[in-house]
C-alpha cells in the first residue's frame, strides 16, 4: 500500500471525526439529561440554515437587475450583423 496523499488524509480525518460526532451526539441524545436541549439546538440550526439560504436567495433576486428583453438583444444582434455585412461588402469592393 502506497503513501497517502494529502486529500486522502483529510478525507480520512473528516470521516473519523464525523463518526465520533455521531457517536457523541447519539450518546447525549439517548443517555443524558441534555437530550431536550440537544434536540432544540439541532432543530434551531436546521431551521436557521434553511431560512438563511432562502433569505440569501431572496436577497439575490431582489438586488439583481433584470435581464434585457430578448427583443432588445435580437435587435442589437441584427444591427451588429448588418455592420459586419456592410463592412465585408466594402472590403470586397476595395479589393477589386
Protein backbone atom coordinates (compact mmCIF):
# COMPACT_ATOMS: atom_id res chain seq x y z
CA UNK A 1 0.00 0.00 0.00
CA UNK A 2 1.46 3.34 -1.07
CA UNK A 3 1.74 6.63 0.66
CA UNK A 4 -1.49 8.55 1.28
CA UNK A 5 -1.97 11.85 -0.46
CA UNK A 6 -2.95 14.98 1.45
CA UNK A 7 -6.56 14.82 0.21
CA UNK A 8 -6.84 11.21 1.35
CA UNK A 9 -5.54 12.11 4.81
CA UNK A 10 -8.00 14.99 5.10
CA UNK A 11 -10.81 12.74 3.89
CA UNK A 12 -9.91 10.08 6.44
CA UNK A 13 -9.81 12.65 9.26
CA UNK A 14 -13.21 14.05 8.23
CA UNK A 15 -14.66 10.52 8.19
CA UNK A 16 -13.26 9.67 11.62
CA UNK A 17 -14.39 13.00 13.10
CA UNK A 18 -17.88 12.52 11.66
CA UNK A 19 -18.24 9.04 13.15
CA UNK A 20 -17.05 10.30 16.55
CA UNK A 21 -19.52 13.21 16.46
CA UNK A 22 -22.36 10.83 15.51
CA UNK A 23 -21.50 8.58 18.46
CA UNK A 24 -21.26 11.52 20.90
CA UNK A 25 -24.48 13.03 19.53
CA UNK A 26 -26.34 9.72 19.97
CA UNK A 27 -24.94 9.25 23.48
CA UNK A 28 -26.04 12.75 24.54
CA UNK A 29 -29.43 12.31 22.86
CA UNK A 30 -30.29 8.94 24.41
CA UNK A 31 -28.32 8.61 27.64
CA UNK A 32 -28.12 12.05 29.29
CA UNK A 33 -30.48 14.67 30.65
CA UNK A 34 -29.31 17.07 27.91
CA UNK A 35 -31.35 15.39 25.17
CA UNK A 36 -34.12 18.02 25.08
CA UNK A 37 -31.59 20.86 24.82
CA UNK A 38 -29.70 18.96 22.09
CA UNK A 39 -32.90 18.49 20.08
CA UNK A 40 -33.76 22.19 20.46
CA UNK A 41 -30.31 23.25 19.31
CA UNK A 42 -30.42 20.80 16.38
CA UNK A 43 -33.87 21.99 15.29
CA UNK A 44 -32.80 25.64 15.57
CA UNK A 45 -29.67 25.09 13.47
CA UNK A 46 -31.65 23.20 10.81
CA UNK A 47 -34.43 25.80 10.57
CA UNK A 48 -31.99 28.73 10.69
CA UNK A 49 -29.88 27.14 7.96
CA UNK A 50 -32.83 26.60 5.62
CA UNK A 51 -34.27 30.06 6.27
CA UNK A 52 -30.82 31.62 5.89
CA UNK A 53 -30.46 30.04 2.46
CA UNK A 54 -33.96 31.24 1.49
CA UNK A 55 -33.10 34.75 2.70
CA UNK A 56 -29.92 34.72 0.59
CA UNK A 57 -31.88 33.60 -2.48
CA UNK A 58 -34.47 36.33 -1.86
CA UNK A 59 -31.79 38.99 -1.41
CA UNK A 60 -30.07 37.89 -4.61
CA UNK A 61 -33.34 38.02 -6.56
CA UNK A 62 -34.21 41.42 -5.11
CA UNK A 63 -30.84 43.04 -5.85
CA UNK A 64 -30.01 41.54 -9.24
CA UNK A 65 -31.06 43.74 -12.17
CA UNK A 66 -33.47 42.09 -14.61
CA UNK A 67 -32.02 40.79 -17.88
CA UNK A 68 -32.57 42.63 -21.17
CA UNK A 69 -35.71 41.61 -23.04
CA UNK A 70 -34.99 39.11 -25.81
CA UNK A 71 -36.34 41.53 -28.43
CA UNK A 72 -33.71 44.11 -27.47
CA UNK A 73 -30.93 41.52 -27.71
CA UNK A 74 -32.19 40.35 -31.12
CA UNK A 75 -32.26 43.97 -32.35
CA UNK A 76 -28.66 44.52 -31.20
CA UNK A 77 -27.54 41.29 -32.88
CA UNK A 78 -29.24 42.28 -36.15
CA UNK A 79 -27.54 45.69 -36.06
CA UNK A 80 -24.14 44.08 -35.46
CA UNK A 81 -24.76 41.59 -38.26
CA UNK A 82 -25.65 44.42 -40.66
CA UNK A 83 -22.45 46.25 -39.71
CA UNK A 84 -20.38 43.14 -40.38
CA UNK A 85 -22.11 42.51 -43.71
CA UNK A 86 -21.68 46.11 -44.90
CA UNK A 87 -18.03 46.24 -43.85
CA UNK A 88 -17.45 42.91 -45.64
CA UNK A 89 -19.00 44.28 -48.85
CA UNK A 90 -16.86 47.44 -48.62
CA UNK A 91 -13.72 45.32 -48.24
CA UNK A 92 -14.67 43.29 -51.34
CA UNK A 93 -15.14 46.49 -53.38
CA UNK A 94 -11.77 47.83 -52.22
CA UNK A 95 -10.06 44.56 -53.15
CA UNK A 96 -11.41 44.73 -56.74
